[in-house]
Amino acid sequence: MSKHEKLLLQMRNNPIDFRLLRKLLKGYGYECINTGGSHYVFRKQYCMSITIPFKRPIKVIYIKKVIKILENQS
C-alpha cells in the first residue's frame, strides 16, 4: 500500500482534518491556492479544480467529493 493510499484510507476514517486533506491532494499533484479568502482551491493540470471552504470541521460532502475524484484518477 502506497503512502497516498494510506492517507486516502485515513481520510475515510477521519474526514474532518484539513491538513490531511491538503497533504493528500498535494501528494496527488494538486497545487493549493488561497488568495486570502475562506476557500482553498486545489488545481492540477488537465483536471477539474476542487474548491474547499476552510471551516472546521470540513463537511463530509467535500471529503466524499475529493475521495471520488482521486479514486477516478487512479
C-alpha atoms as a PDB file:
ATOM      1  CA  MET A   1       0.000   0.000   0.000  1.00  0.00           C
ATOM      2  CA  SER A   2       1.487   3.323  -1.059  1.00  0.00           C
ATOM      3  CA  LYS A   3       1.743   6.406   1.124  1.00  0.00           C
ATOM      4  CA  HIS A   4      -1.058   8.119  -0.799  1.00  0.00           C
ATOM      5  CA  GLU A   5      -3.352   5.112  -0.441  1.00  0.00           C
ATOM      6  CA  LYS A   6      -2.733   5.102   3.315  1.00  0.00           C
ATOM      7  CA  LEU A   7      -3.646   8.804   3.501  1.00  0.00           C
ATOM      8  CA  LEU A   8      -6.798   8.160   1.480  1.00  0.00           C
ATOM      9  CA  LEU A   9      -7.792   5.363   3.848  1.00  0.00           C
ATOM     10  CA  GLN A  10      -7.067   7.576   6.859  1.00  0.00           C
ATOM     11  CA  MET A  11      -9.193  10.328   5.299  1.00  0.00           C
ATOM     12  CA  ARG A  12     -12.148   7.954   5.083  1.00  0.00           C
ATOM     13  CA  ASN A  13     -11.795   7.155   8.774  1.00  0.00           C
ATOM     14  CA  ASN A  14     -11.229  10.758   9.949  1.00  0.00           C
ATOM     15  CA  PRO A  15     -12.912  13.099   7.464  1.00  0.00           C
ATOM     16  CA  ILE A  16     -12.509  16.373   9.356  1.00  0.00           C
ATOM     17  CA  ASP A  17      -8.786  17.140   9.177  1.00  0.00           C
ATOM     18  CA  PHE A  18      -7.988  19.912   6.671  1.00  0.00           C
ATOM     19  CA  ARG A  19      -4.231  19.422   6.974  1.00  0.00           C
ATOM     20  CA  LEU A  20      -4.594  15.777   5.998  1.00  0.00           C
ATOM     21  CA  LEU A  21      -6.804  16.734   3.052  1.00  0.00           C
ATOM     22  CA  ARG A  22      -4.254  19.277   1.830  1.00  0.00           C
ATOM     23  CA  LYS A  23      -1.400  16.780   2.226  1.00  0.00           C
ATOM     24  CA  LEU A  24      -3.347  14.129   0.326  1.00  0.00           C
ATOM     25  CA  LEU A  25      -4.178  16.423  -2.583  1.00  0.00           C
ATOM     26  CA  LYS A  26      -0.600  17.713  -2.813  1.00  0.00           C
ATOM     27  CA  GLY A  27       0.562  14.100  -2.925  1.00  0.00           C
ATOM     28  CA  TYR A  28      -1.642  13.552  -5.957  1.00  0.00           C
ATOM     29  CA  GLY A  29      -0.105  16.567  -7.694  1.00  0.00           C
ATOM     30  CA  TYR A  30      -2.628  19.279  -6.845  1.00  0.00           C
ATOM     31  CA  GLU A  31      -1.483  22.823  -6.132  1.00  0.00           C
ATOM     32  CA  CYS A  32      -3.114  24.641  -3.211  1.00  0.00           C
ATOM     33  CA  ILE A  33      -4.177  28.221  -3.930  1.00  0.00           C
ATOM     34  CA  ASN A  34      -5.592  30.654  -1.396  1.00  0.00           C
ATOM     35  CA  THR A  35      -5.922  34.337  -2.209  1.00  0.00           C
ATOM     36  CA  GLY A  36      -6.721  35.323   1.357  1.00  0.00           C
ATOM     37  CA  GLY A  37     -10.354  34.285   1.436  1.00  0.00           C
ATOM     38  CA  SER A  38     -12.074  31.492   3.293  1.00  0.00           C
ATOM     39  CA  HIS A  39     -11.819  28.964   0.452  1.00  0.00           C
ATOM     40  CA  TYR A  40      -8.898  26.930  -0.826  1.00  0.00           C
ATOM     41  CA  VAL A  41      -8.725  25.907  -4.481  1.00  0.00           C
ATOM     42  CA  PHE A  42      -6.762  22.829  -5.448  1.00  0.00           C
ATOM     43  CA  ARG A  43      -5.694  22.730  -9.094  1.00  0.00           C
ATOM     44  CA  LYS A  44      -3.962  20.179 -11.236  1.00  0.00           C
ATOM     45  CA  GLN A  45      -3.185  20.444 -14.917  1.00  0.00           C
ATOM     46  CA  TYR A  46      -5.813  18.739 -17.106  1.00  0.00           C
ATOM     47  CA  CYS A  47      -8.037  18.029 -14.082  1.00  0.00           C
ATOM     48  CA  MET A  48     -11.073  19.736 -12.641  1.00  0.00           C
ATOM     49  CA  SER A  49     -10.266  22.133  -9.802  1.00  0.00           C
ATOM     50  CA  ILE A  50     -11.567  21.379  -6.309  1.00  0.00           C
ATOM     51  CA  THR A  51     -12.799  24.185  -4.044  1.00  0.00           C
ATOM     52  CA  ILE A  52     -12.922  23.510  -0.304  1.00  0.00           C
ATOM     53  CA  PRO A  53     -14.106  26.062   2.280  1.00  0.00           C
ATOM     54  CA  PHE A  54     -11.745  26.306   5.234  1.00  0.00           C
ATOM     55  CA  LYS A  55     -14.136  25.631   8.059  1.00  0.00           C
ATOM     56  CA  ARG A  56     -13.690  23.313  10.949  1.00  0.00           C
ATOM     57  CA  PRO A  57     -14.906  20.657  10.736  1.00  0.00           C
ATOM     58  CA  ILE A  58     -14.909  20.129   6.978  1.00  0.00           C
ATOM     59  CA  LYS A  59     -18.294  18.916   5.816  1.00  0.00           C
ATOM     60  CA  VAL A  60     -18.431  15.274   4.825  1.00  0.00           C
ATOM     61  CA  ILE A  61     -19.769  16.114   1.356  1.00  0.00           C
ATOM     62  CA  TYR A  62     -16.451  17.772   0.440  1.00  0.00           C
ATOM     63  CA  ILE A  63     -14.463  14.779   1.682  1.00  0.00           C
ATOM     64  CA  LYS A  64     -16.617  12.397  -0.358  1.00  0.00           C
ATOM     65  CA  LYS A  65     -16.141  14.608  -3.417  1.00  0.00           C
ATOM     66  CA  VAL A  66     -12.348  14.554  -3.046  1.00  0.00           C
ATOM     67  CA  ILE A  67     -12.238  10.790  -2.472  1.00  0.00           C
ATOM     68  CA  LYS A  68     -14.387  10.180  -5.543  1.00  0.00           C
ATOM     69  CA  ILE A  69     -12.161  12.406  -7.732  1.00  0.00           C
ATOM     70  CA  LEU A  70      -8.964  10.762  -6.502  1.00  0.00           C
ATOM     71  CA  GLU A  71     -10.310   7.234  -6.960  1.00  0.00           C
ATOM     72  CA  ASN A  72     -11.297   8.050 -10.543  1.00  0.00           C
ATOM     73  CA  GLN A  73      -7.758   9.295 -11.281  1.00  0.00           C
ATOM     74  CA  SER A  74      -6.051   6.122 -10.043  1.00  0.00           C
END
